[in-house]
Amino acid sequence: MPAAPVDGPIPRVPRDEVRRRLLAAAAKSFAERGYDDSRLEDIANAAGFSKGAVYSNFAGKAELFGAILGAGADTEFNLVMAEIGDADDPREAIGAAARTVAWRIVNDAERGQLGLEFAARAARDMRTRDILTPLRRAQRAAASRSIADVAERTGATPAVGPDLAALILHCLCNGLSNERIADPGAIDAETVERALAAVLTLLLEPRAADDLRTT
């Protein structure tokens, strides 16, 4: 028996929900097929929309790719800050940050793969670089602000300024993610956490660096 017709107009999907579904479908496609072999039409269909929905929310495939990375970075940042909470001891804050980021690096290899591919494309394509550059700058700026806030709240004595510390940590996280992709057998969660904790300690609480020599 055919379904009864629906009276009245079909409700429109909220814009935030459209973006969420497109980002989820795109992340899956990019991870499985790579950037070049992912088609916007297929991504839109997988999300339940037409190709026009993509262009209503994103300028094109490169911007969609960048939005996925940006959303992942925002999620990680929010998780780290939530774990740090109102910690008033620098070692407690360092431990919480290292554990959270290490978990993300080890358990979200998909984002690491996407980031590596996007960075490689940015090295060859100016349009991709124009999307990646402000994204990376925003991530470092957010990290710098959080480092300054944690240092002030906990009374830490940073070895360098927050902007330089943010750059160092940003590069460390990217490097650890790449090494995890290349050699997951050797770069496990404990190794990643120890590396992050060691560098965070040297940057934020160098007075405690002597303890690192015994671990």
N, C-alpha and C. Protein backbone atom coordinates (compact mmCIF):
# COMPACT_ATOMS: atom_id res chain seq x y z
N MET A 1 0.86 -1.19 0.00
CA MET A 1 0.00 0.00 0.00
C MET A 1 0.89 1.24 0.00
N PRO A 2 0.72 2.17 -0.93
CA PRO A 2 1.58 3.35 -0.98
C PRO A 2 1.38 4.24 0.23
N ALA A 3 2.46 4.92 0.59
CA ALA A 3 2.40 5.82 1.75
C ALA A 3 1.49 7.00 1.43
N ALA A 4 0.80 7.45 2.46
CA ALA A 4 -0.09 8.60 2.28
C ALA A 4 0.73 9.85 2.00
N PRO A 5 0.25 10.71 1.13
CA PRO A 5 0.99 11.93 0.84
C PRO A 5 1.11 12.82 2.08
N VAL A 6 2.20 13.53 2.17
CA VAL A 6 2.42 14.44 3.29
C VAL A 6 1.78 15.78 2.97
N ASP A 7 0.94 16.25 3.90
CA ASP A 7 0.29 17.55 3.71
C ASP A 7 1.27 18.66 4.02
N GLY A 8 1.23 19.72 3.20
CA GLY A 8 2.04 20.89 3.47
C GLY A 8 3.46 20.71 2.97
N PRO A 9 4.25 21.78 3.06
CA PRO A 9 5.63 21.74 2.57
C PRO A 9 6.51 20.84 3.45
N ILE A 10 7.50 20.22 2.81
CA ILE A 10 8.45 19.40 3.56
C ILE A 10 9.41 20.31 4.30
N PRO A 11 9.58 20.13 5.60
CA PRO A 11 10.47 21.01 6.38
C PRO A 11 11.89 20.99 5.82
N ARG A 12 12.52 22.15 5.76
CA ARG A 12 13.89 22.24 5.29
C ARG A 12 14.85 21.81 6.39
N VAL A 13 15.90 21.15 5.98
CA VAL A 13 16.91 20.72 6.94
C VAL A 13 17.68 21.96 7.40
N PRO A 14 17.85 22.17 8.71
CA PRO A 14 18.58 23.34 9.19
C PRO A 14 19.99 23.39 8.61
N ARG A 15 20.47 24.59 8.38
CA ARG A 15 21.77 24.77 7.74
C ARG A 15 22.90 24.09 8.52
N ASP A 16 22.86 24.19 9.85
CA ASP A 16 23.91 23.56 10.65
C ASP A 16 23.92 22.04 10.46
N GLU A 17 22.72 21.47 10.31
CA GLU A 17 22.63 20.02 10.11
C GLU A 17 23.12 19.65 8.71
N VAL A 18 22.83 20.49 7.73
CA VAL A 18 23.35 20.24 6.37
C VAL A 18 24.87 20.21 6.39
N ARG A 19 25.48 21.21 7.02
CA ARG A 19 26.95 21.27 7.09
C ARG A 19 27.51 20.06 7.84
N ARG A 20 26.86 19.70 8.94
CA ARG A 20 27.35 18.57 9.72
C ARG A 20 27.36 17.29 8.90
N ARG A 21 26.26 17.06 8.17
CA ARG A 21 26.17 15.84 7.37
C ARG A 21 27.13 15.86 6.19
N LEU A 22 27.32 17.01 5.59
CA LEU A 22 28.28 17.12 4.48
C LEU A 22 29.70 16.88 4.98
N LEU A 23 30.05 17.45 6.13
CA LEU A 23 31.39 17.27 6.67
C LEU A 23 31.66 15.81 7.02
N ALA A 24 30.65 15.14 7.59
CA ALA A 24 30.81 13.73 7.95
C ALA A 24 31.01 12.88 6.70
N ALA A 25 30.19 13.13 5.68
CA ALA A 25 30.31 12.35 4.44
C ALA A 25 31.63 12.64 3.73
N ALA A 26 32.05 13.90 3.76
CA ALA A 26 33.30 14.27 3.10
C ALA A 26 34.50 13.66 3.82
N ALA A 27 34.49 13.69 5.14
CA ALA A 27 35.60 13.11 5.90
C ALA A 27 35.76 11.63 5.58
N LYS A 28 34.65 10.92 5.48
CA LYS A 28 34.68 9.49 5.16
C LYS A 28 35.22 9.27 3.75
N SER A 29 34.75 10.08 2.82
CA SER A 29 35.19 9.93 1.43
C SER A 29 36.67 10.25 1.27
N PHE A 30 37.12 11.36 1.85
CA PHE A 30 38.52 11.75 1.73
C PHE A 30 39.44 10.71 2.36
N ALA A 31 39.01 10.16 3.50
CA ALA A 31 39.84 9.17 4.18
C ALA A 31 39.93 7.87 3.38
N GLU A 32 38.82 7.48 2.74
CA GLU A 32 38.79 6.20 2.01
C GLU A 32 39.37 6.32 0.60
N ARG A 33 39.12 7.45 -0.06
CA ARG A 33 39.49 7.58 -1.47
C ARG A 33 40.62 8.57 -1.73
N GLY A 34 40.88 9.44 -0.76
CA GLY A 34 41.84 10.50 -1.01
C GLY A 34 41.17 11.71 -1.62
N TYR A 35 41.88 12.81 -1.67
CA TYR A 35 41.31 14.07 -2.14
C TYR A 35 40.94 14.00 -3.62
N ASP A 36 41.86 13.58 -4.46
CA ASP A 36 41.65 13.63 -5.90
C ASP A 36 40.49 12.75 -6.36
N ASP A 37 40.32 11.60 -5.73
CA ASP A 37 39.29 10.65 -6.17
C ASP A 37 37.94 10.85 -5.48
N SER A 38 37.85 11.83 -4.61
CA SER A 38 36.57 12.13 -3.94
C SER A 38 35.80 13.14 -4.79
N ARG A 39 34.57 12.81 -5.15
CA ARG A 39 33.75 13.69 -5.98
C ARG A 39 32.69 14.37 -5.13
N LEU A 40 32.49 15.66 -5.37
CA LEU A 40 31.51 16.40 -4.59
C LEU A 40 30.11 15.83 -4.76
N GLU A 41 29.79 15.35 -5.95
CA GLU A 41 28.47 14.77 -6.18
C GLU A 41 28.26 13.54 -5.30
N ASP A 42 29.28 12.70 -5.19
CA ASP A 42 29.17 11.50 -4.36
C ASP A 42 29.05 11.88 -2.88
N ILE A 43 29.82 12.88 -2.47
CA ILE A 43 29.76 13.34 -1.07
C ILE A 43 28.37 13.86 -0.75
N ALA A 44 27.82 14.67 -1.64
CA ALA A 44 26.49 15.23 -1.42
C ALA A 44 25.44 14.12 -1.35
N ASN A 45 25.53 13.14 -2.27
CA ASN A 45 24.57 12.04 -2.26
C ASN A 45 24.65 11.23 -0.98
N ALA A 46 25.88 11.00 -0.51
CA ALA A 46 26.05 10.23 0.72
C ALA A 46 25.46 10.96 1.92
N ALA A 47 25.46 12.28 1.87
CA ALA A 47 24.89 13.08 2.96
C ALA A 47 23.39 13.26 2.82
N GLY A 48 22.85 12.86 1.65
CA GLY A 48 21.41 12.98 1.43
C GLY A 48 20.99 14.25 0.76
N PHE A 49 21.93 14.88 0.04
CA PHE A 49 21.61 16.15 -0.62
C PHE A 49 22.07 16.13 -2.07
N SER A 50 21.75 17.22 -2.77
CA SER A 50 22.25 17.39 -4.13
C SER A 50 23.60 18.10 -4.06
N LYS A 51 24.29 18.11 -5.19
CA LYS A 51 25.60 18.78 -5.26
C LYS A 51 25.48 20.26 -4.94
N GLY A 52 24.33 20.83 -5.23
CA GLY A 52 24.13 22.24 -4.95
C GLY A 52 24.25 22.58 -3.47
N ALA A 53 23.94 21.60 -2.60
CA ALA A 53 24.05 21.84 -1.16
C ALA A 53 25.49 22.08 -0.76
N VAL A 54 26.43 21.43 -1.46
CA VAL A 54 27.84 21.64 -1.16
C VAL A 54 28.22 23.07 -1.46
N TYR A 55 27.85 23.55 -2.65
CA TYR A 55 28.22 24.90 -3.06
C TYR A 55 27.45 25.97 -2.30
N SER A 56 26.37 25.60 -1.65
CA SER A 56 25.65 26.56 -0.81
C SER A 56 26.35 26.77 0.52
N ASN A 57 27.25 25.85 0.86
CA ASN A 57 27.93 25.92 2.15
C ASN A 57 29.44 26.06 2.05
N PHE A 58 30.01 25.66 0.92
CA PHE A 58 31.46 25.70 0.74
C PHE A 58 31.79 26.17 -0.68
N ALA A 59 32.91 26.84 -0.82
CA ALA A 59 33.30 27.37 -2.12
C ALA A 59 33.72 26.26 -3.08
N GLY A 60 34.11 25.11 -2.55
CA GLY A 60 34.55 24.01 -3.40
C GLY A 60 35.16 22.91 -2.55
N LYS A 61 35.82 21.98 -3.22
CA LYS A 61 36.35 20.81 -2.52
C LYS A 61 37.45 21.18 -1.54
N ALA A 62 38.31 22.12 -1.91
CA ALA A 62 39.42 22.49 -1.03
C ALA A 62 38.90 23.13 0.25
N GLU A 63 37.89 23.98 0.13
CA GLU A 63 37.34 24.61 1.33
C GLU A 63 36.63 23.58 2.21
N LEU A 64 35.97 22.64 1.59
CA LEU A 64 35.33 21.55 2.33
C LEU A 64 36.37 20.75 3.10
N PHE A 65 37.47 20.45 2.43
CA PHE A 65 38.57 19.71 3.06
C PHE A 65 39.09 20.50 4.27
N GLY A 66 39.32 21.79 4.07
CA GLY A 66 39.82 22.62 5.16
C GLY A 66 38.86 22.69 6.33
N ALA A 67 37.56 22.72 6.02
CA ALA A 67 36.55 22.78 7.08
C ALA A 67 36.58 21.53 7.95
N ILE A 68 36.86 20.38 7.34
CA ILE A 68 36.97 19.13 8.10
C ILE A 68 38.12 19.22 9.08
N LEU A 69 39.27 19.69 8.60
CA LEU A 69 40.43 19.81 9.48
C LEU A 69 40.17 20.83 10.59
N GLY A 70 39.53 21.94 10.24
CA GLY A 70 39.24 22.96 11.24
C GLY A 70 38.31 22.45 12.32
N ALA A 71 37.29 21.70 11.91
CA ALA A 71 36.34 21.15 12.89
C ALA A 71 37.04 20.16 13.81
N GLY A 72 37.94 19.34 13.25
CA GLY A 72 38.68 18.39 14.08
C GLY A 72 39.59 19.07 15.06
N ALA A 73 40.25 20.14 14.62
CA ALA A 73 41.14 20.88 15.51
C ALA A 73 40.35 21.55 16.62
N ASP A 74 39.18 22.10 16.29
CA ASP A 74 38.34 22.73 17.32
C ASP A 74 37.89 21.71 18.36
N THR A 75 37.54 20.52 17.90
CA THR A 75 37.11 19.47 18.83
C THR A 75 38.24 19.10 19.78
N GLU A 76 39.44 18.92 19.23
CA GLU A 76 40.58 18.57 20.07
C GLU A 76 40.88 19.66 21.08
N PHE A 77 40.89 20.91 20.63
CA PHE A 77 41.17 22.03 21.52
C PHE A 77 40.16 22.08 22.67
N ASN A 78 38.89 21.92 22.35
CA ASN A 78 37.85 21.96 23.38
C ASN A 78 38.00 20.80 24.36
N LEU A 79 38.37 19.64 23.86
CA LEU A 79 38.59 18.49 24.74
C LEU A 79 39.75 18.75 25.69
N VAL A 80 40.84 19.29 25.16
CA VAL A 80 42.01 19.57 26.00
C VAL A 80 41.66 20.57 27.09
N MET A 81 40.99 21.65 26.72
CA MET A 81 40.65 22.67 27.71
C MET A 81 39.67 22.14 28.75
N ALA A 82 38.77 21.26 28.32
CA ALA A 82 37.83 20.67 29.28
C ALA A 82 38.57 19.76 30.26
N GLU A 83 39.56 19.01 29.78
CA GLU A 83 40.33 18.13 30.66
C GLU A 83 41.21 18.92 31.62
N ILE A 84 41.78 20.02 31.13
CA ILE A 84 42.60 20.86 32.02
C ILE A 84 41.72 21.50 33.08
N GLY A 85 40.54 21.93 32.66
CA GLY A 85 39.60 22.53 33.59
C GLY A 85 40.20 23.71 34.32
N ASP A 86 40.02 23.74 35.64
CA ASP A 86 40.55 24.83 36.47
C ASP A 86 41.80 24.39 37.23
N ALA A 87 42.56 23.49 36.64
CA ALA A 87 43.76 22.99 37.31
C ALA A 87 44.65 24.16 37.72
N ASP A 88 45.11 24.14 38.97
CA ASP A 88 45.97 25.22 39.45
C ASP A 88 47.40 24.75 39.68
N ASP A 89 47.69 23.53 39.25
CA ASP A 89 49.05 23.00 39.33
C ASP A 89 49.55 22.73 37.91
N PRO A 90 50.70 23.28 37.52
CA PRO A 90 51.16 23.12 36.14
C PRO A 90 51.36 21.67 35.72
N ARG A 91 51.83 20.83 36.64
CA ARG A 91 52.05 19.43 36.28
C ARG A 91 50.73 18.72 36.01
N GLU A 92 49.71 19.08 36.78
CA GLU A 92 48.39 18.49 36.55
C GLU A 92 47.85 18.90 35.18
N ALA A 93 48.01 20.18 34.84
CA ALA A 93 47.54 20.66 33.54
C ALA A 93 48.31 20.01 32.40
N ILE A 94 49.62 19.87 32.56
CA ILE A 94 50.47 19.25 31.54
C ILE A 94 50.05 17.80 31.33
N GLY A 95 49.83 17.07 32.42
CA GLY A 95 49.44 15.67 32.31
C GLY A 95 48.10 15.51 31.61
N ALA A 96 47.14 16.36 31.94
CA ALA A 96 45.82 16.28 31.31
C ALA A 96 45.90 16.58 29.82
N ALA A 97 46.67 17.61 29.46
CA ALA A 97 46.81 17.97 28.05
C ALA A 97 47.50 16.86 27.27
N ALA A 98 48.57 16.31 27.83
CA ALA A 98 49.33 15.27 27.13
C ALA A 98 48.48 14.02 26.91
N ARG A 99 47.72 13.62 27.91
CA ARG A 99 46.86 12.43 27.77
C ARG A 99 45.80 12.62 26.70
N THR A 100 45.17 13.79 26.71
CA THR A 100 44.07 14.04 25.77
C THR A 100 44.57 14.10 24.33
N VAL A 101 45.66 14.83 24.10
CA VAL A 101 46.18 14.94 22.74
C VAL A 101 46.72 13.60 22.26
N ALA A 102 47.38 12.86 23.14
CA ALA A 102 47.90 11.54 22.77
C ALA A 102 46.77 10.62 22.36
N TRP A 103 45.68 10.65 23.09
CA TRP A 103 44.53 9.79 22.75
C TRP A 103 44.01 10.15 21.37
N ARG A 104 43.92 11.45 21.07
CA ARG A 104 43.41 11.88 19.77
C ARG A 104 44.35 11.45 18.64
N ILE A 105 45.64 11.59 18.85
CA ILE A 105 46.60 11.23 17.81
C ILE A 105 46.53 9.73 17.51
N VAL A 106 46.42 8.92 18.55
CA VAL A 106 46.43 7.47 18.37
C VAL A 106 45.08 6.95 17.86
N ASN A 107 44.00 7.54 18.31
CA ASN A 107 42.68 7.00 18.00
C ASN A 107 41.95 7.72 16.87
N ASP A 108 42.55 8.77 16.34
CA ASP A 108 41.93 9.49 15.23
C ASP A 108 42.95 9.63 14.10
N ALA A 109 43.43 8.48 13.62
CA ALA A 109 44.43 8.49 12.55
C ALA A 109 43.87 9.10 11.27
N GLU A 110 42.56 9.01 11.09
CA GLU A 110 41.93 9.56 9.88
C GLU A 110 42.23 11.05 9.74
N ARG A 111 42.10 11.79 10.85
CA ARG A 111 42.37 13.23 10.78
C ARG A 111 43.84 13.50 10.49
N GLY A 112 44.72 12.67 11.05
CA GLY A 112 46.14 12.83 10.76
C GLY A 112 46.46 12.61 9.29
N GLN A 113 45.81 11.62 8.70
CA GLN A 113 46.02 11.34 7.28
C GLN A 113 45.52 12.49 6.42
N LEU A 114 44.35 13.03 6.79
CA LEU A 114 43.80 14.16 6.03
C LEU A 114 44.71 15.38 6.14
N GLY A 115 45.21 15.63 7.34
CA GLY A 115 46.08 16.78 7.54
C GLY A 115 47.36 16.66 6.74
N LEU A 116 47.91 15.46 6.69
CA LEU A 116 49.14 15.23 5.94
C LEU A 116 48.91 15.45 4.45
N GLU A 117 47.78 14.94 3.95
CA GLU A 117 47.47 15.10 2.53
C GLU A 117 47.23 16.57 2.18
N PHE A 118 46.52 17.27 3.05
CA PHE A 118 46.22 18.68 2.76
C PHE A 118 47.49 19.53 2.77
N ALA A 119 48.40 19.25 3.72
CA ALA A 119 49.65 19.99 3.78
C ALA A 119 50.50 19.73 2.54
N ALA A 120 50.49 18.48 2.07
CA ALA A 120 51.24 18.16 0.86
C ALA A 120 50.67 18.89 -0.35
N ARG A 121 49.35 18.99 -0.43
CA ARG A 121 48.73 19.72 -1.53
C ARG A 121 49.04 21.20 -1.44
N ALA A 122 49.06 21.75 -0.22
CA ALA A 122 49.33 23.17 -0.04
C ALA A 122 50.72 23.55 -0.51
N ALA A 123 51.65 22.60 -0.43
CA ALA A 123 53.01 22.88 -0.88
C ALA A 123 53.07 23.07 -2.40
N ARG A 124 52.08 22.54 -3.12
CA ARG A 124 52.10 22.61 -4.58
C ARG A 124 51.01 23.51 -5.16
N ASP A 125 50.00 23.82 -4.35
CA ASP A 125 48.83 24.53 -4.89
C ASP A 125 48.52 25.75 -4.03
N MET A 126 48.58 26.94 -4.63
CA MET A 126 48.38 28.17 -3.89
C MET A 126 46.98 28.28 -3.31
N ARG A 127 45.96 27.82 -4.04
CA ARG A 127 44.59 27.92 -3.54
C ARG A 127 44.41 27.09 -2.27
N THR A 128 45.04 25.91 -2.25
CA THR A 128 44.98 25.09 -1.04
C THR A 128 45.72 25.77 0.10
N ARG A 129 46.86 26.37 -0.22
CA ARG A 129 47.65 27.06 0.81
C ARG A 129 46.87 28.24 1.39
N ASP A 130 46.10 28.92 0.54
CA ASP A 130 45.31 30.06 1.01
C ASP A 130 44.25 29.63 2.02
N ILE A 131 43.84 28.39 1.96
CA ILE A 131 42.88 27.86 2.94
C ILE A 131 43.60 27.34 4.17
N LEU A 132 44.73 26.67 3.97
CA LEU A 132 45.44 26.06 5.08
C LEU A 132 46.13 27.09 5.97
N THR A 133 46.70 28.13 5.37
CA THR A 133 47.48 29.10 6.16
C THR A 133 46.67 29.77 7.26
N PRO A 134 45.50 30.37 6.97
CA PRO A 134 44.74 30.98 8.07
C PRO A 134 44.24 29.95 9.08
N LEU A 135 43.98 28.74 8.62
CA LEU A 135 43.54 27.69 9.54
C LEU A 135 44.64 27.38 10.55
N ARG A 136 45.87 27.19 10.05
CA ARG A 136 46.99 26.90 10.95
C ARG A 136 47.28 28.08 11.88
N ARG A 137 47.19 29.29 11.36
CA ARG A 137 47.44 30.46 12.19
C ARG A 137 46.42 30.57 13.32
N ALA A 138 45.17 30.28 13.00
CA ALA A 138 44.12 30.34 14.01
C ALA A 138 44.35 29.28 15.08
N GLN A 139 44.79 28.10 14.68
CA GLN A 139 45.07 27.04 15.64
C GLN A 139 46.21 27.42 16.57
N ARG A 140 47.27 28.01 16.01
CA ARG A 140 48.41 28.41 16.84
C ARG A 140 48.02 29.55 17.78
N ALA A 141 47.19 30.47 17.28
CA ALA A 141 46.76 31.59 18.12
C ALA A 141 45.92 31.09 19.30
N ALA A 142 45.04 30.13 19.05
CA ALA A 142 44.23 29.57 20.13
C ALA A 142 45.11 28.85 21.15
N ALA A 143 46.10 28.11 20.66
CA ALA A 143 47.02 27.42 21.56
C ALA A 143 47.83 28.41 22.38
N SER A 144 48.26 29.50 21.74
CA SER A 144 49.02 30.53 22.45
C SER A 144 48.21 31.13 23.59
N ARG A 145 46.96 31.43 23.32
CA ARG A 145 46.10 32.01 24.36
C ARG A 145 45.90 31.04 25.52
N SER A 146 45.71 29.77 25.20
CA SER A 146 45.50 28.79 26.26
C SER A 146 46.76 28.58 27.08
N ILE A 147 47.92 28.59 26.43
CA ILE A 147 49.19 28.44 27.15
C ILE A 147 49.39 29.61 28.11
N ALA A 148 49.12 30.83 27.63
CA ALA A 148 49.26 32.00 28.48
C ALA A 148 48.30 31.94 29.66
N ASP A 149 47.08 31.48 29.41
CA ASP A 149 46.08 31.38 30.47
C ASP A 149 46.49 30.34 31.52
N VAL A 150 46.93 29.17 31.06
CA VAL A 150 47.33 28.12 31.99
C VAL A 150 48.55 28.57 32.80
N ALA A 151 49.51 29.20 32.14
CA ALA A 151 50.70 29.66 32.85
C ALA A 151 50.35 30.67 33.94
N GLU A 152 49.46 31.59 33.61
CA GLU A 152 49.06 32.60 34.60
C GLU A 152 48.29 31.98 35.76
N ARG A 153 47.39 31.07 35.45
CA ARG A 153 46.55 30.47 36.49
C ARG A 153 47.34 29.54 37.41
N THR A 154 48.31 28.82 36.84
CA THR A 154 49.04 27.83 37.64
C THR A 154 50.34 28.37 38.23
N GLY A 155 50.73 29.57 37.82
CA GLY A 155 51.98 30.12 38.32
C GLY A 155 53.21 29.51 37.67
N ALA A 156 53.03 28.91 36.49
CA ALA A 156 54.16 28.31 35.78
C ALA A 156 55.11 29.41 35.31
N THR A 157 56.35 29.03 35.07
CA THR A 157 57.36 29.97 34.58
C THR A 157 57.85 29.50 33.22
N PRO A 158 57.14 29.83 32.15
CA PRO A 158 57.47 29.32 30.82
C PRO A 158 58.89 29.68 30.37
N ALA A 159 59.49 28.76 29.63
CA ALA A 159 60.84 28.97 29.13
C ALA A 159 60.84 29.93 27.95
N VAL A 160 59.74 29.99 27.21
CA VAL A 160 59.61 30.87 26.05
C VAL A 160 58.23 31.52 26.08
N GLY A 161 58.03 32.49 25.19
CA GLY A 161 56.74 33.15 25.11
C GLY A 161 55.66 32.22 24.59
N PRO A 162 54.39 32.56 24.81
CA PRO A 162 53.29 31.66 24.42
C PRO A 162 53.20 31.42 22.91
N ASP A 163 53.53 32.43 22.10
CA ASP A 163 53.45 32.23 20.64
C ASP A 163 54.47 31.20 20.17
N LEU A 164 55.69 31.30 20.69
CA LEU A 164 56.72 30.33 20.30
C LEU A 164 56.39 28.95 20.86
N ALA A 165 55.90 28.90 22.08
CA ALA A 165 55.51 27.61 22.67
C ALA A 165 54.41 26.96 21.84
N ALA A 166 53.45 27.77 21.38
CA ALA A 166 52.36 27.23 20.56
C ALA A 166 52.89 26.67 19.25
N LEU A 167 53.83 27.36 18.64
CA LEU A 167 54.42 26.88 17.39
C LEU A 167 55.15 25.56 17.60
N ILE A 168 55.92 25.48 18.66
CA ILE A 168 56.66 24.25 18.96
C ILE A 168 55.70 23.08 19.17
N LEU A 169 54.66 23.31 19.95
CA LEU A 169 53.70 22.24 20.24
C LEU A 169 52.91 21.85 18.99
N HIS A 170 52.57 22.84 18.17
CA HIS A 170 51.85 22.56 16.93
C HIS A 170 52.68 21.64 16.04
N CYS A 171 53.96 21.98 15.89
CA CYS A 171 54.84 21.15 15.06
C CYS A 171 55.04 19.77 15.68
N LEU A 172 55.15 19.71 17.00
CA LEU A 172 55.33 18.41 17.67
C LEU A 172 54.11 17.52 17.43
N CYS A 173 52.93 18.07 17.59
CA CYS A 173 51.71 17.26 17.40
C CYS A 173 51.60 16.75 15.97
N ASN A 174 51.91 17.62 15.01
CA ASN A 174 51.87 17.19 13.61
C ASN A 174 52.90 16.11 13.35
N GLY A 175 54.10 16.29 13.90
CA GLY A 175 55.14 15.29 13.70
C GLY A 175 54.81 13.96 14.33
N LEU A 176 54.28 13.98 15.54
CA LEU A 176 53.90 12.73 16.21
C LEU A 176 52.78 12.02 15.44
N SER A 177 51.84 12.81 14.91
CA SER A 177 50.76 12.22 14.12
C SER A 177 51.32 11.54 12.89
N ASN A 178 52.27 12.19 12.21
CA ASN A 178 52.88 11.59 11.02
C ASN A 178 53.66 10.33 11.35
N GLU A 179 54.41 10.36 12.45
CA GLU A 179 55.17 9.19 12.85
C GLU A 179 54.26 8.03 13.24
N ARG A 180 53.15 8.36 13.87
CA ARG A 180 52.17 7.32 14.24
C ARG A 180 51.61 6.65 12.99
N ILE A 181 51.34 7.45 11.95
CA ILE A 181 50.84 6.89 10.69
C ILE A 181 51.88 5.98 10.06
N ALA A 182 53.15 6.40 10.10
CA ALA A 182 54.22 5.64 9.45
C ALA A 182 54.63 4.40 10.23
N ASP A 183 54.57 4.47 11.56
CA ASP A 183 55.08 3.36 12.38
C ASP A 183 54.21 3.18 13.62
N PRO A 184 52.96 2.74 13.45
CA PRO A 184 52.06 2.61 14.60
C PRO A 184 52.51 1.58 15.63
N GLY A 185 53.33 0.61 15.20
CA GLY A 185 53.79 -0.39 16.15
C GLY A 185 54.73 0.18 17.20
N ALA A 186 55.52 1.17 16.82
CA ALA A 186 56.49 1.76 17.75
C ALA A 186 55.95 3.03 18.42
N ILE A 187 55.12 3.76 17.73
CA ILE A 187 54.61 5.02 18.27
C ILE A 187 53.23 4.77 18.86
N ASP A 188 53.22 4.25 20.08
CA ASP A 188 51.94 3.95 20.74
C ASP A 188 51.50 5.11 21.61
N ALA A 189 50.36 4.94 22.28
CA ALA A 189 49.78 6.03 23.07
C ALA A 189 50.71 6.47 24.19
N GLU A 190 51.35 5.52 24.84
CA GLU A 190 52.24 5.87 25.95
C GLU A 190 53.43 6.69 25.46
N THR A 191 54.00 6.30 24.33
CA THR A 191 55.14 7.03 23.77
C THR A 191 54.75 8.45 23.40
N VAL A 192 53.60 8.59 22.75
CA VAL A 192 53.13 9.91 22.36
C VAL A 192 52.88 10.78 23.58
N GLU A 193 52.25 10.21 24.59
CA GLU A 193 51.96 10.97 25.81
C GLU A 193 53.24 11.41 26.50
N ARG A 194 54.23 10.53 26.58
CA ARG A 194 55.49 10.89 27.22
C ARG A 194 56.20 11.99 26.46
N ALA A 195 56.18 11.91 25.14
CA ALA A 195 56.83 12.95 24.33
C ALA A 195 56.16 14.30 24.55
N LEU A 196 54.84 14.31 24.53
CA LEU A 196 54.12 15.55 24.74
C LEU A 196 54.37 16.11 26.14
N ALA A 197 54.31 15.24 27.14
CA ALA A 197 54.52 15.69 28.52
C ALA A 197 55.92 16.25 28.71
N ALA A 198 56.92 15.60 28.08
CA ALA A 198 58.30 16.07 28.22
C ALA A 198 58.46 17.47 27.64
N VAL A 199 57.95 17.69 26.45
CA VAL A 199 58.10 18.99 25.81
C VAL A 199 57.27 20.05 26.54
N LEU A 200 56.07 19.70 26.94
CA LEU A 200 55.24 20.65 27.69
C LEU A 200 55.93 21.06 28.99
N THR A 201 56.54 20.10 29.66
CA THR A 201 57.24 20.41 30.90
C THR A 201 58.42 21.34 30.66
N LEU A 202 59.20 21.05 29.63
CA LEU A 202 60.35 21.90 29.31
C LEU A 202 59.92 23.31 28.92
N LEU A 203 58.75 23.42 28.28
CA LEU A 203 58.27 24.72 27.85
C LEU A 203 57.61 25.51 28.97
N LEU A 204 56.77 24.82 29.76
CA LEU A 204 55.93 25.52 30.73
C LEU A 204 56.46 25.49 32.15
N GLU A 205 57.17 24.45 32.49
CA GLU A 205 57.63 24.30 33.87
C GLU A 205 59.06 23.76 33.87
N PRO A 206 60.02 24.51 33.32
CA PRO A 206 61.39 24.01 33.20
C PRO A 206 62.04 23.66 34.53
N ARG A 207 61.52 24.22 35.64
CA ARG A 207 62.07 23.88 36.95
C ARG A 207 61.87 22.41 37.28
N ALA A 208 60.86 21.80 36.65
CA ALA A 208 60.58 20.38 36.92
C ALA A 208 61.27 19.47 35.93
N ALA A 209 62.13 20.01 35.08
CA ALA A 209 62.75 19.21 34.02
C ALA A 209 63.64 18.11 34.57
N ASP A 210 64.21 18.29 35.73
CA ASP A 210 65.08 17.25 36.30
C ASP A 210 64.34 15.94 36.48
N ASP A 211 63.04 16.02 36.76
CA ASP A 211 62.25 14.80 36.95
C ASP A 211 62.16 13.97 35.68
N LEU A 212 62.30 14.62 34.51
CA LEU A 212 62.18 13.91 33.25
C LEU A 212 63.33 12.93 33.05
N ARG A 213 64.47 13.19 33.65
CA ARG A 213 65.64 12.35 33.45
C ARG A 213 65.49 10.99 34.14
N THR A 214 64.51 10.87 35.01
CA THR A 214 64.32 9.62 35.74
C THR A 214 63.19 8.80 35.18
N THR A 215 62.55 9.30 34.09
CA THR A 215 61.40 8.57 33.53
C THR A 215 61.72 8.09 32.13
